[in-house]
Amino acid sequence: MRYECTSETLYINYRTGETLEYRHSNLKLLTARANNGNSDAKKYMALIEPDNKKWKPKPCHPHHAANTAAQT
């Protein structure tokens, strides 16, 4: 999907916005993108809400790959 501006631009607008309304509208757009699975938006949401596990990348489980390889 093509957007008018990048997730990075929304994040910058959120951080530097002059008014609360402007900041909130950028945060709303960024949150919607992150909820729709946009990985860039999720990275920026993790910066805004570092305690929210929803935005953290899922850890890789190398032992699953090793088990699968051992079975074949």
PDB file of N, CA and C in Angstrom:
ATOM      1  N   MET A   1       0.840  -1.179   0.000  1.00  0.00           N
ATOM      2  CA  MET A   1       0.000   0.000   0.000  1.00  0.00           C
ATOM      3  C   MET A   1       0.886   1.243   0.000  1.00  0.00           C
ATOM      4  N   ARG A   2       0.500   2.220  -0.769  1.00  0.00           N
ATOM      5  CA  ARG A   2       1.281   3.455  -0.877  1.00  0.00           C
ATOM      6  C   ARG A   2       0.655   4.541   0.000  1.00  0.00           C
ATOM      7  N   TYR A   3       1.483   5.203   0.781  1.00  0.00           N
ATOM      8  CA  TYR A   3       1.018   6.263   1.669  1.00  0.00           C
ATOM      9  C   TYR A   3       1.508   7.625   1.181  1.00  0.00           C
ATOM     10  N   GLU A   4       0.820   8.676   1.615  1.00  0.00           N
ATOM     11  CA  GLU A   4       1.230  10.039   1.268  1.00  0.00           C
ATOM     12  C   GLU A   4       2.587  10.383   1.856  1.00  0.00           C
ATOM     13  N   CYS A   5       2.840   9.938   3.087  1.00  0.00           N
ATOM     14  CA  CYS A   5       4.135  10.187   3.720  1.00  0.00           C
ATOM     15  C   CYS A   5       4.590   8.910   4.421  1.00  0.00           C
ATOM     16  N   THR A   6       5.875   8.858   4.691  1.00  0.00           N
ATOM     17  CA  THR A   6       6.444   7.657   5.293  1.00  0.00           C
ATOM     18  C   THR A   6       6.149   7.604   6.789  1.00  0.00           C
ATOM     19  N   SER A   7       6.346   6.448   7.361  1.00  0.00           N
ATOM     20  CA  SER A   7       6.194   6.290   8.809  1.00  0.00           C
ATOM     21  C   SER A   7       7.211   7.151   9.544  1.00  0.00           C
ATOM     22  N   GLU A   8       8.388   7.288   8.952  1.00  0.00           N
ATOM     23  CA  GLU A   8       9.413   8.142   9.562  1.00  0.00           C
ATOM     24  C   GLU A   8       8.929   9.593   9.632  1.00  0.00           C
ATOM     25  N   THR A   9       8.298  10.067   8.567  1.00  0.00           N
ATOM     26  CA  THR A   9       7.772  11.430   8.549  1.00  0.00           C
ATOM     27  C   THR A   9       6.700  11.608   9.608  1.00  0.00           C
ATOM     28  N   LEU A  10       5.815  10.619   9.746  1.00  0.00           N
ATOM     29  CA  LEU A  10       4.780  10.696  10.777  1.00  0.00           C
ATOM     30  C   LEU A  10       5.414  10.770  12.165  1.00  0.00           C
ATOM     31  N   TYR A  11       6.454   9.971  12.381  1.00  0.00           N
ATOM     32  CA  TYR A  11       7.146   9.973  13.680  1.00  0.00           C
ATOM     33  C   TYR A  11       7.772  11.338  13.949  1.00  0.00           C
ATOM     34  N   ILE A  12       8.442  11.885  12.946  1.00  0.00           N
ATOM     35  CA  ILE A  12       9.070  13.209  13.105  1.00  0.00           C
ATOM     36  C   ILE A  12       8.005  14.266  13.374  1.00  0.00           C
ATOM     37  N   ASN A  13       6.898  14.202  12.633  1.00  0.00           N
ATOM     38  CA  ASN A  13       5.801  15.156  12.855  1.00  0.00           C
ATOM     39  C   ASN A  13       5.221  15.011  14.254  1.00  0.00           C
ATOM     40  N   TYR A  14       5.146  13.768  14.734  1.00  0.00           N
ATOM     41  CA  TYR A  14       4.651  13.531  16.093  1.00  0.00           C
ATOM     42  C   TYR A  14       5.597  14.171  17.110  1.00  0.00           C
ATOM     43  N   ARG A  15       6.898  13.973  16.920  1.00  0.00           N
ATOM     44  CA  ARG A  15       7.889  14.481  17.881  1.00  0.00           C
ATOM     45  C   ARG A  15       8.009  16.005  17.861  1.00  0.00           C
ATOM     46  N   THR A  16       7.820  16.615  16.698  1.00  0.00           N
ATOM     47  CA  THR A  16       8.075  18.048  16.569  1.00  0.00           C
ATOM     48  C   THR A  16       6.811  18.874  16.383  1.00  0.00           C
ATOM     49  N   GLY A  17       5.652  18.239  16.500  1.00  0.00           N
ATOM     50  CA  GLY A  17       4.391  18.945  16.253  1.00  0.00           C
ATOM     51  C   GLY A  17       4.179  20.134  17.168  1.00  0.00           C
ATOM     52  N   GLU A  18       3.652  21.196  16.597  1.00  0.00           N
ATOM     53  CA  GLU A  18       3.424  22.427  17.346  1.00  0.00           C
ATOM     54  C   GLU A  18       2.225  22.313  18.296  1.00  0.00           C
ATOM     55  N   THR A  19       1.172  21.634  17.841  1.00  0.00           N
ATOM     56  CA  THR A  19      -0.041  21.557  18.664  1.00  0.00           C
ATOM     57  C   THR A  19      -0.320  20.111  19.048  1.00  0.00           C
ATOM     58  N   LEU A  20      -1.057  19.940  20.121  1.00  0.00           N
ATOM     59  CA  LEU A  20      -1.431  18.592  20.555  1.00  0.00           C
ATOM     60  C   LEU A  20      -2.299  17.896  19.513  1.00  0.00           C
ATOM     61  N   GLU A  21      -3.175  18.648  18.857  1.00  0.00           N
ATOM     62  CA  GLU A  21      -4.052  18.062  17.843  1.00  0.00           C
ATOM     63  C   GLU A  21      -3.229  17.498  16.683  1.00  0.00           C
ATOM     64  N   TYR A  22      -2.236  18.266  16.254  1.00  0.00           N
ATOM     65  CA  TYR A  22      -1.374  17.831  15.150  1.00  0.00           C
ATOM     66  C   TYR A  22      -0.580  16.593  15.554  1.00  0.00           C
ATOM     67  N   ARG A  23      -0.021  16.611  16.753  1.00  0.00           N
ATOM     68  CA  ARG A  23       0.738  15.457  17.246  1.00  0.00           C
ATOM     69  C   ARG A  23      -0.171  14.227  17.346  1.00  0.00           C
ATOM     70  N   HIS A  24      -1.369  14.423  17.875  1.00  0.00           N
ATOM     71  CA  HIS A  24      -2.303  13.314  18.041  1.00  0.00           C
ATOM     72  C   HIS A  24      -2.707  12.718  16.691  1.00  0.00           C
ATOM     73  N   SER A  25      -2.924  13.563  15.690  1.00  0.00           N
ATOM     74  CA  SER A  25      -3.330  13.038  14.382  1.00  0.00           C
ATOM     75  C   SER A  25      -2.205  12.209  13.766  1.00  0.00           C
ATOM     76  N   ASN A  26      -0.966  12.635  13.938  1.00  0.00           N
ATOM     77  CA  ASN A  26       0.164  11.854  13.430  1.00  0.00           C
ATOM     78  C   ASN A  26       0.320  10.545  14.193  1.00  0.00           C
ATOM     79  N   LEU A  27       0.127  10.582  15.493  1.00  0.00           N
ATOM     80  CA  LEU A  27       0.199   9.368  16.306  1.00  0.00           C
ATOM     81  C   LEU A  27      -0.901   8.386  15.898  1.00  0.00           C
ATOM     82  N   LYS A  28      -2.088   8.903  15.637  1.00  0.00           N
ATOM     83  CA  LYS A  28      -3.206   8.049  15.228  1.00  0.00           C
ATOM     84  C   LYS A  28      -2.893   7.333  13.904  1.00  0.00           C
ATOM     85  N   LEU A  29      -2.357   8.072  12.944  1.00  0.00           N
ATOM     86  CA  LEU A  29      -2.003   7.473  11.651  1.00  0.00           C
ATOM     87  C   LEU A  29      -0.899   6.433  11.817  1.00  0.00           C
ATOM     88  N   LEU A  30       0.101   6.752  12.623  1.00  0.00           N
ATOM     89  CA  LEU A  30       1.206   5.822  12.845  1.00  0.00           C
ATOM     90  C   LEU A  30       0.720   4.558  13.552  1.00  0.00           C
ATOM     91  N   THR A  31      -0.153   4.714  14.532  1.00  0.00           N
ATOM     92  CA  THR A  31      -0.704   3.566  15.255  1.00  0.00           C
ATOM     93  C   THR A  31      -1.521   2.684  14.323  1.00  0.00           C
ATOM     94  N   ALA A  32      -2.319   3.297  13.462  1.00  0.00           N
ATOM     95  CA  ALA A  32      -3.134   2.525  12.517  1.00  0.00           C
ATOM     96  C   ALA A  32      -2.243   1.710  11.591  1.00  0.00           C
ATOM     97  N   ARG A  33      -1.185   2.317  11.104  1.00  0.00           N
ATOM     98  CA  ARG A  33      -0.255   1.578  10.240  1.00  0.00           C
ATOM     99  C   ARG A  33       0.386   0.413  10.981  1.00  0.00           C
ATOM    100  N   ALA A  34       0.818   0.658  12.210  1.00  0.00           N
ATOM    101  CA  ALA A  34       1.458  -0.404  12.999  1.00  0.00           C
ATOM    102  C   ALA A  34       0.476  -1.542  13.258  1.00  0.00           C
ATOM    103  N   ASN A  35      -0.768  -1.198  13.555  1.00  0.00           N
ATOM    104  CA  ASN A  35      -1.779  -2.230  13.794  1.00  0.00           C
ATOM    105  C   ASN A  35      -2.092  -3.030  12.539  1.00  0.00           C
ATOM    106  N   ASN A  36      -1.846  -2.439  11.374  1.00  0.00           N
ATOM    107  CA  ASN A  36      -2.066  -3.139  10.109  1.00  0.00           C
ATOM    108  C   ASN A  36      -0.843  -3.937   9.670  1.00  0.00           C
ATOM    109  N   GLY A  37       0.173  -4.000  10.529  1.00  0.00           N
ATOM    110  CA  GLY A  37       1.330  -4.845  10.266  1.00  0.00           C
ATOM    111  C   GLY A  37       2.503  -4.156   9.598  1.00  0.00           C
ATOM    112  N   ASN A  38       2.494  -2.847   9.465  1.00  0.00           N
ATOM    113  CA  ASN A  38       3.608  -2.129   8.851  1.00  0.00           C
ATOM    114  C   ASN A  38       4.805  -2.177   9.794  1.00  0.00           C
ATOM    115  N   SER A  39       5.878  -2.828   9.359  1.00  0.00           N
ATOM    116  CA  SER A  39       7.033  -3.035  10.254  1.00  0.00           C
ATOM    117  C   SER A  39       7.755  -1.735  10.583  1.00  0.00           C
ATOM    118  N   ASP A  40       7.826  -0.805   9.635  1.00  0.00           N
ATOM    119  CA  ASP A  40       8.459   0.484   9.937  1.00  0.00           C
ATOM    120  C   ASP A  40       7.668   1.233  11.004  1.00  0.00           C
ATOM    121  N   ALA A  41       6.357   1.239  10.859  1.00  0.00           N
ATOM    122  CA  ALA A  41       5.507   1.923  11.835  1.00  0.00           C
ATOM    123  C   ALA A  41       5.660   1.289  13.215  1.00  0.00           C
ATOM    124  N   LYS A  42       5.788  -0.029  13.259  1.00  0.00           N
ATOM    125  CA  LYS A  42       5.972  -0.715  14.546  1.00  0.00           C
ATOM    126  C   LYS A  42       7.275  -0.287  15.220  1.00  0.00           C
ATOM    127  N   LYS A  43       8.332  -0.099  14.417  1.00  0.00           N
ATOM    128  CA  LYS A  43       9.614   0.353  14.987  1.00  0.00           C
ATOM    129  C   LYS A  43       9.458   1.720  15.639  1.00  0.00           C
ATOM    130  N   TYR A  44       8.742   2.620  14.958  1.00  0.00           N
ATOM    131  CA  TYR A  44       8.565   3.963  15.511  1.00  0.00           C
ATOM    132  C   TYR A  44       7.628   3.955  16.715  1.00  0.00           C
ATOM    133  N   MET A  45       6.630   3.097  16.695  1.00  0.00           N
ATOM    134  CA  MET A  45       5.741   2.988  17.858  1.00  0.00           C
ATOM    135  C   MET A  45       6.507   2.444  19.058  1.00  0.00           C
ATOM    136  N   ALA A  46       7.472   1.566  18.815  1.00  0.00           N
ATOM    137  CA  ALA A  46       8.304   1.047  19.909  1.00  0.00           C
ATOM    138  C   ALA A  46       9.139   2.167  20.534  1.00  0.00           C
ATOM    139  N   LEU A  47       9.517   3.163  19.733  1.00  0.00           N
ATOM    140  CA  LEU A  47      10.241   4.310  20.281  1.00  0.00           C
ATOM    141  C   LEU A  47       9.319   5.195  21.114  1.00  0.00           C
ATOM    142  N   ILE A  48       8.075   5.326  20.673  1.00  0.00           N
ATOM    143  CA  ILE A  48       7.108   6.169  21.378  1.00  0.00           C
ATOM    144  C   ILE A  48       6.611   5.485  22.649  1.00  0.00           C
ATOM    145  N   GLU A  49       6.331   4.194  22.556  1.00  0.00           N
ATOM    146  CA  GLU A  49       5.820   3.422  23.695  1.00  0.00           C
ATOM    147  C   GLU A  49       6.758   2.253  23.985  1.00  0.00           C
ATOM    148  N   PRO A  50       7.908   2.507  24.586  1.00  0.00           N
ATOM    149  CA  PRO A  50       8.892   1.439  24.782  1.00  0.00           C
ATOM    150  C   PRO A  50       8.425   0.306  25.700  1.00  0.00           C
ATOM    151  N   ASP A  51       7.467   0.569  26.574  1.00  0.00           N
ATOM    152  CA  ASP A  51       6.997  -0.475  27.492  1.00  0.00           C
ATOM    153  C   ASP A  51       5.893  -1.345  26.899  1.00  0.00           C
ATOM    154  N   ASN A  52       5.392  -0.991  25.750  1.00  0.00           N
ATOM    155  CA  ASN A  52       4.300  -1.740  25.131  1.00  0.00           C
ATOM    156  C   ASN A  52       4.879  -2.908  24.334  1.00  0.00           C
ATOM    157  N   LYS A  53       4.643  -4.118  24.816  1.00  0.00           N
ATOM    158  CA  LYS A  53       5.194  -5.315  24.166  1.00  0.00           C
ATOM    159  C   LYS A  53       4.613  -5.547  22.783  1.00  0.00           C
ATOM    160  N   LYS A  54       3.494  -4.922  22.502  1.00  0.00           N
ATOM    161  CA  LYS A  54       2.841  -5.075  21.204  1.00  0.00           C
ATOM    162  C   LYS A  54       3.754  -4.640  20.053  1.00  0.00           C
ATOM    163  N   TRP A  55       4.636  -3.676  20.300  1.00  0.00           N
ATOM    164  CA  TRP A  55       5.475  -3.121  19.235  1.00  0.00           C
ATOM    165  C   TRP A  55       6.846  -3.773  19.163  1.00  0.00           C
ATOM    166  N   LYS A  56       7.157  -4.644  20.115  1.00  0.00           N
ATOM    167  CA  LYS A  56       8.469  -5.290  20.123  1.00  0.00           C
ATOM    168  C   LYS A  56       8.540  -6.336  19.013  1.00  0.00           C
ATOM    169  N   PRO A  57       9.704  -6.453  18.355  1.00  0.00           N
ATOM    170  CA  PRO A  57       9.835  -7.514  17.344  1.00  0.00           C
ATOM    171  C   PRO A  57       9.816  -8.880  18.025  1.00  0.00           C
ATOM    172  N   LYS A  58       9.260  -9.831  17.345  1.00  0.00           N
ATOM    173  CA  LYS A  58       9.197 -11.193  17.886  1.00  0.00           C
ATOM    174  C   LYS A  58      10.601 -11.799  17.841  1.00  0.00           C
ATOM    175  N   PRO A  59      11.043 -12.402  18.946  1.00  0.00           N
ATOM    176  CA  PRO A  59      12.391 -12.991  18.952  1.00  0.00           C
ATOM    177  C   PRO A  59      12.452 -14.230  18.055  1.00  0.00           C
ATOM    178  N   CYS A  60      13.589 -14.418  17.456  1.00  0.00           N
ATOM    179  CA  CYS A  60      13.810 -15.584  16.612  1.00  0.00           C
ATOM    180  C   CYS A  60      14.102 -16.776  17.528  1.00  0.00           C
ATOM    181  N   HIS A  61      13.589 -17.928  17.179  1.00  0.00           N
ATOM    182  CA  HIS A  61      13.823 -19.133  17.977  1.00  0.00           C
ATOM    183  C   HIS A  61      14.684 -20.101  17.171  1.00  0.00           C
ATOM    184  N   PRO A  62      16.009 -19.972  17.274  1.00  0.00           N
ATOM    185  CA  PRO A  62      16.887 -20.817  16.454  1.00  0.00           C
ATOM    186  C   PRO A  62      16.765 -22.299  16.752  1.00  0.00           C
ATOM    187  N   HIS A  63      16.316 -22.645  17.974  1.00  0.00           N
ATOM    188  CA  HIS A  63      16.195 -24.074  18.285  1.00  0.00           C
ATOM    189  C   HIS A  63      15.084 -24.719  17.474  1.00  0.00           C
ATOM    190  N   HIS A  64      14.071 -23.962  17.045  1.00  0.00           N
ATOM    191  CA  HIS A  64      13.024 -24.518  16.187  1.00  0.00           C
ATOM    192  C   HIS A  64      13.610 -24.896  14.836  1.00  0.00           C
ATOM    193  N   ALA A  65      14.445 -24.043  14.297  1.00  0.00           N
ATOM    194  CA  ALA A  65      15.071 -24.324  13.016  1.00  0.00           C
ATOM    195  C   ALA A  65      16.001 -25.532  13.115  1.00  0.00           C
ATOM    196  N   ALA A  66      16.717 -25.629  14.225  1.00  0.00           N
ATOM    197  CA  ALA A  66      17.621 -26.758  14.414  1.00  0.00           C
ATOM    198  C   ALA A  66      16.839 -28.071  14.538  1.00  0.00           C
ATOM    199  N   ASN A  67      15.738 -28.041  15.248  1.00  0.00           N
ATOM    200  CA  ASN A  67      14.898 -29.243  15.379  1.00  0.00           C
ATOM    201  C   ASN A  67      14.325 -29.664  14.055  1.00  0.00           C
ATOM    202  N   THR A  68      13.886 -28.723  13.259  1.00  0.00           N
ATOM    203  CA  THR A  68      13.322 -29.042  11.948  1.00  0.00           C
ATOM    204  C   THR A  68      14.389 -29.634  11.042  1.00  0.00           C
ATOM    205  N   ALA A  69      15.578 -29.051  11.077  1.00  0.00           N
ATOM    206  CA  ALA A  69      16.675 -29.555  10.253  1.00  0.00           C
ATOM    207  C   ALA A  69      17.079 -30.967  10.678  1.00  0.00           C
ATOM    208  N   ALA A  70      17.039 -31.242  11.972  1.00  0.00           N
ATOM    209  CA  ALA A  70      17.423 -32.557  12.477  1.00  0.00           C
ATOM    210  C   ALA A  70      16.432 -33.632  12.064  1.00  0.00           C
ATOM    211  N   GLN A  71      15.161 -33.243  11.885  1.00  0.00           N
ATOM    212  CA  GLN A  71      14.131 -34.219  11.547  1.00  0.00           C
ATOM    213  C   GLN A  71      14.165 -34.624  10.079  1.00  0.00           C
ATOM    214  N   THR A  72      14.731 -33.779   9.231  1.00  0.00           N
ATOM    215  CA  THR A  72      14.720 -34.090   7.796  1.00  0.00           C
ATOM    216  C   THR A  72      15.906 -34.889   7.386  1.00  0.00           C
TER     217      THR A  72
END
